[in-house]
Amino acid sequence: MRLYWSPSVENYLGRVSKDRISEEVREGVSKEAASNLATLKKQAMAEEAAKRLAGKGWLPPVRRAPHAPESMLQAAE
């Protein structure tokens, strides 16, 4: 799934709260990448988060395999 799906405003980020967006960027990119998003309005925040998460292979919890072996996760990177 990591190879084929990427979070966008349309398919995920526009549907979750601003707090959740910050949390996702913190997890998928870094604490620093998420820190300056909080001042943005929701739409701008979601758009910027999509750019920052692009190509990172990050998936929201609902799209993650429940028991994916660590070797599979490393192979996708």
PDB file of N, CA and C in Angstrom:
ATOM      1  N   MET A   1       0.820  -1.181   0.000  1.00  0.00           N
ATOM      2  CA  MET A   1       0.000   0.000   0.000  1.00  0.00           C
ATOM      3  C   MET A   1       0.872   1.256   0.000  1.00  0.00           C
ATOM      4  N   ARG A   2       2.002   1.206   0.695  1.00  0.00           N
ATOM      5  CA  ARG A   2       2.894   2.361   0.774  1.00  0.00           C
ATOM      6  C   ARG A   2       3.387   2.813  -0.598  1.00  0.00           C
ATOM      7  N   LEU A   3       3.463   1.893  -1.519  1.00  0.00           N
ATOM      8  CA  LEU A   3       3.970   2.221  -2.851  1.00  0.00           C
ATOM      9  C   LEU A   3       2.919   2.865  -3.746  1.00  0.00           C
ATOM     10  N   TYR A   4       1.646   2.680  -3.414  1.00  0.00           N
ATOM     11  CA  TYR A   4       0.578   3.099  -4.312  1.00  0.00           C
ATOM     12  C   TYR A   4      -0.293   4.236  -3.789  1.00  0.00           C
ATOM     13  N   TRP A   5      -0.283   4.482  -2.504  1.00  0.00           N
ATOM     14  CA  TRP A   5      -1.188   5.467  -1.922  1.00  0.00           C
ATOM     15  C   TRP A   5      -0.388   6.569  -1.252  1.00  0.00           C
ATOM     16  N   SER A   6      -0.850   7.786  -1.402  1.00  0.00           N
ATOM     17  CA  SER A   6      -0.225   8.931  -0.751  1.00  0.00           C
ATOM     18  C   SER A   6      -1.333   9.828  -0.207  1.00  0.00           C
ATOM     19  N   PRO A   7      -1.183  10.353   1.005  1.00  0.00           N
ATOM     20  CA  PRO A   7      -2.237  11.204   1.569  1.00  0.00           C
ATOM     21  C   PRO A   7      -2.361  12.510   0.803  1.00  0.00           C
ATOM     22  N   SER A   8      -3.579  12.892   0.522  1.00  0.00           N
ATOM     23  CA  SER A   8      -3.838  14.165  -0.157  1.00  0.00           C
ATOM     24  C   SER A   8      -4.974  14.871   0.570  1.00  0.00           C
ATOM     25  N   VAL A   9      -5.241  16.097   0.168  1.00  0.00           N
ATOM     26  CA  VAL A   9      -6.349  16.852   0.749  1.00  0.00           C
ATOM     27  C   VAL A   9      -7.656  16.123   0.448  1.00  0.00           C
ATOM     28  N   GLU A  10      -7.790  15.620  -0.763  1.00  0.00           N
ATOM     29  CA  GLU A  10      -9.034  14.976  -1.193  1.00  0.00           C
ATOM     30  C   GLU A  10      -9.285  13.628  -0.532  1.00  0.00           C
ATOM     31  N   ASN A  11      -8.241  12.817  -0.376  1.00  0.00           N
ATOM     32  CA  ASN A  11      -8.486  11.457   0.096  1.00  0.00           C
ATOM     33  C   ASN A  11      -8.269  11.245   1.594  1.00  0.00           C
ATOM     34  N   TYR A  12      -7.711  12.227   2.307  1.00  0.00           N
ATOM     35  CA  TYR A  12      -7.515  12.012   3.736  1.00  0.00           C
ATOM     36  C   TYR A  12      -7.367  13.305   4.533  1.00  0.00           C
ATOM     37  N   LEU A  13      -6.399  14.118   4.188  1.00  0.00           N
ATOM     38  CA  LEU A  13      -6.045  15.265   5.030  1.00  0.00           C
ATOM     39  C   LEU A  13      -7.146  16.309   5.150  1.00  0.00           C
ATOM     40  N   GLY A  14      -7.984  16.443   4.150  1.00  0.00           N
ATOM     41  CA  GLY A  14      -9.092  17.380   4.223  1.00  0.00           C
ATOM     42  C   GLY A  14     -10.246  16.879   5.082  1.00  0.00           C
ATOM     43  N   ARG A  15     -10.162  15.638   5.519  1.00  0.00           N
ATOM     44  CA  ARG A  15     -11.252  15.008   6.278  1.00  0.00           C
ATOM     45  C   ARG A  15     -10.938  14.817   7.753  1.00  0.00           C
ATOM     46  N   VAL A  16      -9.728  15.168   8.168  1.00  0.00           N
ATOM     47  CA  VAL A  16      -9.349  14.997   9.570  1.00  0.00           C
ATOM     48  C   VAL A  16      -9.092  16.355  10.210  1.00  0.00           C
ATOM     49  N   SER A  17      -9.029  16.389  11.518  1.00  0.00           N
ATOM     50  CA  SER A  17      -8.845  17.643  12.252  1.00  0.00           C
ATOM     51  C   SER A  17      -7.432  18.200  12.075  1.00  0.00           C
ATOM     52  N   LYS A  18      -7.293  19.469  12.410  1.00  0.00           N
ATOM     53  CA  LYS A  18      -5.974  20.106  12.347  1.00  0.00           C
ATOM     54  C   LYS A  18      -4.995  19.427  13.306  1.00  0.00           C
ATOM     55  N   ASP A  19      -5.472  19.038  14.474  1.00  0.00           N
ATOM     56  CA  ASP A  19      -4.604  18.339  15.426  1.00  0.00           C
ATOM     57  C   ASP A  19      -4.101  17.024  14.835  1.00  0.00           C
ATOM     58  N   ARG A  20      -5.001  16.331  14.153  1.00  0.00           N
ATOM     59  CA  ARG A  20      -4.638  15.051  13.543  1.00  0.00           C
ATOM     60  C   ARG A  20      -3.616  15.259  12.419  1.00  0.00           C
ATOM     61  N   ILE A  21      -3.805  16.314  11.627  1.00  0.00           N
ATOM     62  CA  ILE A  21      -2.851  16.603  10.555  1.00  0.00           C
ATOM     63  C   ILE A  21      -1.464  16.826  11.151  1.00  0.00           C
ATOM     64  N   SER A  22      -1.377  17.640  12.196  1.00  0.00           N
ATOM     65  CA  SER A  22      -0.079  17.889  12.844  1.00  0.00           C
ATOM     66  C   SER A  22       0.537  16.592  13.347  1.00  0.00           C
ATOM     67  N   GLU A  23      -0.277  15.761  13.957  1.00  0.00           N
ATOM     68  CA  GLU A  23       0.188  14.482  14.477  1.00  0.00           C
ATOM     69  C   GLU A  23       0.737  13.595  13.352  1.00  0.00           C
ATOM     70  N   GLU A  24       0.028  13.568  12.236  1.00  0.00           N
ATOM     71  CA  GLU A  24       0.441  12.728  11.110  1.00  0.00           C
ATOM     72  C   GLU A  24       1.758  13.212  10.505  1.00  0.00           C
ATOM     73  N   VAL A  25       1.918  14.526  10.367  1.00  0.00           N
ATOM     74  CA  VAL A  25       3.168  15.072   9.815  1.00  0.00           C
ATOM     75  C   VAL A  25       4.316  14.820  10.791  1.00  0.00           C
ATOM     76  N   ARG A  26       4.058  14.953  12.076  1.00  0.00           N
ATOM     77  CA  ARG A  26       5.073  14.671  13.089  1.00  0.00           C
ATOM     78  C   ARG A  26       5.546  13.227  12.956  1.00  0.00           C
ATOM     79  N   GLU A  27       4.599  12.319  12.791  1.00  0.00           N
ATOM     80  CA  GLU A  27       4.927  10.893  12.673  1.00  0.00           C
ATOM     81  C   GLU A  27       5.593  10.570  11.339  1.00  0.00           C
ATOM     82  N   GLY A  28       5.065  11.120  10.257  1.00  0.00           N
ATOM     83  CA  GLY A  28       5.545  10.758   8.928  1.00  0.00           C
ATOM     84  C   GLY A  28       6.769  11.500   8.445  1.00  0.00           C
ATOM     85  N   VAL A  29       7.016  12.678   8.990  1.00  0.00           N
ATOM     86  CA  VAL A  29       8.161  13.479   8.535  1.00  0.00           C
ATOM     87  C   VAL A  29       9.062  13.796   9.733  1.00  0.00           C
ATOM     88  N   SER A  30       8.656  14.770  10.553  1.00  0.00           N
ATOM     89  CA  SER A  30       9.432  15.127  11.742  1.00  0.00           C
ATOM     90  C   SER A  30       8.658  16.122  12.597  1.00  0.00           C
ATOM     91  N   LYS A  31       9.118  16.273  13.824  1.00  0.00           N
ATOM     92  CA  LYS A  31       8.513  17.244  14.729  1.00  0.00           C
ATOM     93  C   LYS A  31       8.671  18.652  14.167  1.00  0.00           C
ATOM     94  N   GLU A  32       9.820  18.939  13.603  1.00  0.00           N
ATOM     95  CA  GLU A  32      10.091  20.260  13.036  1.00  0.00           C
ATOM     96  C   GLU A  32       9.172  20.553  11.845  1.00  0.00           C
ATOM     97  N   ALA A  33       8.930  19.559  11.015  1.00  0.00           N
ATOM     98  CA  ALA A  33       8.063  19.746   9.845  1.00  0.00           C
ATOM     99  C   ALA A  33       6.627  20.035  10.249  1.00  0.00           C
ATOM    100  N   ALA A  34       6.220  19.540  11.409  1.00  0.00           N
ATOM    101  CA  ALA A  34       4.850  19.746  11.874  1.00  0.00           C
ATOM    102  C   ALA A  34       4.691  21.035  12.673  1.00  0.00           C
ATOM    103  N   SER A  35       5.775  21.529  13.251  1.00  0.00           N
ATOM    104  CA  SER A  35       5.672  22.633  14.196  1.00  0.00           C
ATOM    105  C   SER A  35       5.113  23.922  13.598  1.00  0.00           C
ATOM    106  N   ASN A  36       5.457  24.236  12.376  1.00  0.00           N
ATOM    107  CA  ASN A  36       4.976  25.503  11.812  1.00  0.00           C
ATOM    108  C   ASN A  36       3.662  25.371  11.051  1.00  0.00           C
ATOM    109  N   LEU A  37       3.055  24.207  11.036  1.00  0.00           N
ATOM    110  CA  LEU A  37       1.761  24.034  10.374  1.00  0.00           C
ATOM    111  C   LEU A  37       0.598  24.579  11.203  1.00  0.00           C
ATOM    112  N   ALA A  38       0.759  24.626  12.506  1.00  0.00           N
ATOM    113  CA  ALA A  38      -0.338  24.981  13.414  1.00  0.00           C
ATOM    114  C   ALA A  38      -0.906  26.373  13.157  1.00  0.00           C
ATOM    115  N   THR A  39      -0.135  27.268  12.603  1.00  0.00           N
ATOM    116  CA  THR A  39      -0.602  28.639  12.378  1.00  0.00           C
ATOM    117  C   THR A  39      -1.451  28.770  11.116  1.00  0.00           C
ATOM    118  N   LEU A  40      -1.451  27.744  10.286  1.00  0.00           N
ATOM    119  CA  LEU A  40      -2.184  27.810   9.017  1.00  0.00           C
ATOM    120  C   LEU A  40      -3.657  27.476   9.204  1.00  0.00           C
ATOM    121  N   LYS A  41      -4.477  27.980   8.299  1.00  0.00           N
ATOM    122  CA  LYS A  41      -5.897  27.596   8.270  1.00  0.00           C
ATOM    123  C   LYS A  41      -5.979  26.164   7.759  1.00  0.00           C
ATOM    124  N   LYS A  42      -7.095  25.527   8.011  1.00  0.00           N
ATOM    125  CA  LYS A  42      -7.252  24.093   7.728  1.00  0.00           C
ATOM    126  C   LYS A  42      -6.885  23.714   6.286  1.00  0.00           C
ATOM    127  N   GLN A  43      -7.422  24.393   5.297  1.00  0.00           N
ATOM    128  CA  GLN A  43      -7.160  24.045   3.897  1.00  0.00           C
ATOM    129  C   GLN A  43      -5.673  24.176   3.573  1.00  0.00           C
ATOM    130  N   ALA A  44      -5.081  25.287   3.958  1.00  0.00           N
ATOM    131  CA  ALA A  44      -3.657  25.508   3.697  1.00  0.00           C
ATOM    132  C   ALA A  44      -2.802  24.489   4.451  1.00  0.00           C
ATOM    133  N   MET A  45      -3.219  24.161   5.652  1.00  0.00           N
ATOM    134  CA  MET A  45      -2.502  23.177   6.462  1.00  0.00           C
ATOM    135  C   MET A  45      -2.534  21.804   5.799  1.00  0.00           C
ATOM    136  N   ALA A  46      -3.700  21.408   5.323  1.00  0.00           N
ATOM    137  CA  ALA A  46      -3.840  20.111   4.658  1.00  0.00           C
ATOM    138  C   ALA A  46      -3.011  20.058   3.376  1.00  0.00           C
ATOM    139  N   GLU A  47      -3.011  21.134   2.613  1.00  0.00           N
ATOM    140  CA  GLU A  47      -2.226  21.191   1.375  1.00  0.00           C
ATOM    141  C   GLU A  47      -0.732  21.081   1.661  1.00  0.00           C
ATOM    142  N   GLU A  48      -0.277  21.813   2.650  1.00  0.00           N
ATOM    143  CA  GLU A  48       1.144  21.780   3.006  1.00  0.00           C
ATOM    144  C   GLU A  48       1.532  20.421   3.581  1.00  0.00           C
ATOM    145  N   ALA A  49       0.668  19.835   4.379  1.00  0.00           N
ATOM    146  CA  ALA A  49       0.932  18.508   4.930  1.00  0.00           C
ATOM    147  C   ALA A  49       1.050  17.472   3.812  1.00  0.00           C
ATOM    148  N   ALA A  50       0.200  17.573   2.801  1.00  0.00           N
ATOM    149  CA  ALA A  50       0.271  16.646   1.664  1.00  0.00           C
ATOM    150  C   ALA A  50       1.626  16.748   0.978  1.00  0.00           C
ATOM    151  N   LYS A  51       2.127  17.961   0.819  1.00  0.00           N
ATOM    152  CA  LYS A  51       3.452  18.155   0.200  1.00  0.00           C
ATOM    153  C   LYS A  51       4.542  17.532   1.061  1.00  0.00           C
ATOM    154  N   ARG A  52       4.455  17.740   2.357  1.00  0.00           N
ATOM    155  CA  ARG A  52       5.496  17.237   3.257  1.00  0.00           C
ATOM    156  C   ARG A  52       5.467  15.718   3.390  1.00  0.00           C
ATOM    157  N   LEU A  53       4.299  15.111   3.273  1.00  0.00           N
ATOM    158  CA  LEU A  53       4.178  13.660   3.391  1.00  0.00           C
ATOM    159  C   LEU A  53       4.409  12.934   2.062  1.00  0.00           C
ATOM    160  N   ALA A  54       4.391  13.657   0.963  1.00  0.00           N
ATOM    161  CA  ALA A  54       4.558  13.045  -0.363  1.00  0.00           C
ATOM    162  C   ALA A  54       5.886  12.287  -0.449  1.00  0.00           C
ATOM    163  N   GLY A  55       5.803  11.068  -0.923  1.00  0.00           N
ATOM    164  CA  GLY A  55       6.990  10.253  -1.127  1.00  0.00           C
ATOM    165  C   GLY A  55       7.594   9.659   0.135  1.00  0.00           C
ATOM    166  N   LYS A  56       6.964   9.839   1.266  1.00  0.00           N
ATOM    167  CA  LYS A  56       7.503   9.329   2.541  1.00  0.00           C
ATOM    168  C   LYS A  56       7.042   7.905   2.846  1.00  0.00           C
ATOM    169  N   GLY A  57       6.035   7.409   2.143  1.00  0.00           N
ATOM    170  CA  GLY A  57       5.529   6.070   2.414  1.00  0.00           C
ATOM    171  C   GLY A  57       4.698   5.993   3.672  1.00  0.00           C
ATOM    172  N   TRP A  58       4.276   7.155   4.176  1.00  0.00           N
ATOM    173  CA  TRP A  58       3.472   7.183   5.395  1.00  0.00           C
ATOM    174  C   TRP A  58       2.038   6.768   5.096  1.00  0.00           C
ATOM    175  N   LEU A  59       1.459   5.985   5.999  1.00  0.00           N
ATOM    176  CA  LEU A  59       0.063   5.572   5.892  1.00  0.00           C
ATOM    177  C   LEU A  59      -0.660   5.896   7.191  1.00  0.00           C
ATOM    178  N   PRO A  60      -1.921   6.318   7.102  1.00  0.00           N
ATOM    179  CA  PRO A  60      -2.692   6.510   8.327  1.00  0.00           C
ATOM    180  C   PRO A  60      -2.980   5.141   8.952  1.00  0.00           C
ATOM    181  N   PRO A  61      -3.223   5.109  10.241  1.00  0.00           N
ATOM    182  CA  PRO A  61      -3.440   3.823  10.919  1.00  0.00           C
ATOM    183  C   PRO A  61      -4.480   2.932  10.251  1.00  0.00           C
ATOM    184  N   VAL A  62      -5.539   3.500   9.719  1.00  0.00           N
ATOM    185  CA  VAL A  62      -6.599   2.702   9.109  1.00  0.00           C
ATOM    186  C   VAL A  62      -6.124   1.971   7.847  1.00  0.00           C
ATOM    187  N   ARG A  63      -5.076   2.434   7.216  1.00  0.00           N
ATOM    188  CA  ARG A  63      -4.554   1.799   6.000  1.00  0.00           C
ATOM    189  C   ARG A  63      -3.377   0.863   6.262  1.00  0.00           C
ATOM    190  N   ARG A  64      -2.933   0.784   7.479  1.00  0.00           N
ATOM    191  CA  ARG A  64      -1.795  -0.082   7.820  1.00  0.00           C
ATOM    192  C   ARG A  64      -2.264  -1.505   8.047  1.00  0.00           C
ATOM    193  N   ALA A  65      -1.436  -2.441   7.653  1.00  0.00           N
ATOM    194  CA  ALA A  65      -1.724  -3.843   7.916  1.00  0.00           C
ATOM    195  C   ALA A  65      -1.621  -4.072   9.422  1.00  0.00           C
ATOM    196  N   PRO A  66      -2.549  -4.828  10.000  1.00  0.00           N
ATOM    197  CA  PRO A  66      -2.546  -5.000  11.446  1.00  0.00           C
ATOM    198  C   PRO A  66      -1.295  -5.679  11.993  1.00  0.00           C
ATOM    199  N   HIS A  67      -0.715  -6.581  11.244  1.00  0.00           N
ATOM    200  CA  HIS A  67       0.458  -7.305  11.729  1.00  0.00           C
ATOM    201  C   HIS A  67       1.495  -7.427  10.620  1.00  0.00           C
ATOM    202  N   ALA A  68       1.840  -6.324  10.009  1.00  0.00           N
ATOM    203  CA  ALA A  68       2.822  -6.371   8.927  1.00  0.00           C
ATOM    204  C   ALA A  68       4.201  -6.701   9.497  1.00  0.00           C
ATOM    205  N   PRO A  69       4.843  -7.715   8.949  1.00  0.00           N
ATOM    206  CA  PRO A  69       6.194  -8.044   9.408  1.00  0.00           C
ATOM    207  C   PRO A  69       7.136  -6.877   9.137  1.00  0.00           C
ATOM    208  N   GLU A  70       8.066  -6.654  10.030  1.00  0.00           N
ATOM    209  CA  GLU A  70       9.029  -5.556   9.896  1.00  0.00           C
ATOM    210  C   GLU A  70       9.788  -5.641   8.569  1.00  0.00           C
ATOM    211  N   SER A  71      10.072  -6.844   8.100  1.00  0.00           N
ATOM    212  CA  SER A  71      10.789  -7.001   6.847  1.00  0.00           C
ATOM    213  C   SER A  71      10.021  -6.450   5.664  1.00  0.00           C
ATOM    214  N   MET A  72       8.677  -6.537   5.721  1.00  0.00           N
ATOM    215  CA  MET A  72       7.851  -5.987   4.651  1.00  0.00           C
ATOM    216  C   MET A  72       7.895  -4.472   4.663  1.00  0.00           C
ATOM    217  N   LEU A  73       7.907  -3.886   5.854  1.00  0.00           N
ATOM    218  CA  LEU A  73       7.943  -2.437   5.960  1.00  0.00           C
ATOM    219  C   LEU A  73       9.259  -1.896   5.442  1.00  0.00           C
ATOM    220  N   GLN A  74      10.356  -2.562   5.734  1.00  0.00           N
ATOM    221  CA  GLN A  74      11.662  -2.120   5.280  1.00  0.00           C
ATOM    222  C   GLN A  74      11.797  -2.299   3.775  1.00  0.00           C
ATOM    223  N   ALA A  75      11.217  -3.347   3.225  1.00  0.00           N
ATOM    224  CA  ALA A  75      11.310  -3.614   1.793  1.00  0.00           C
ATOM    225  C   ALA A  75      10.585  -2.539   0.994  1.00  0.00           C
ATOM    226  N   ALA A  76       9.546  -1.942   1.568  1.00  0.00           N
ATOM    227  CA  ALA A  76       8.773  -0.921   0.867  1.00  0.00           C
ATOM    228  C   ALA A  76       9.491   0.415   0.834  1.00  0.00           C
ATOM    229  N   GLU A  77      10.473   0.613   1.683  1.00  0.00           N
ATOM    230  CA  GLU A  77      11.174   1.902   1.760  1.00  0.00           C
ATOM    231  C   GLU A  77      12.221   2.056   0.716  1.00  0.00           C
TER     232      GLU A  77
END
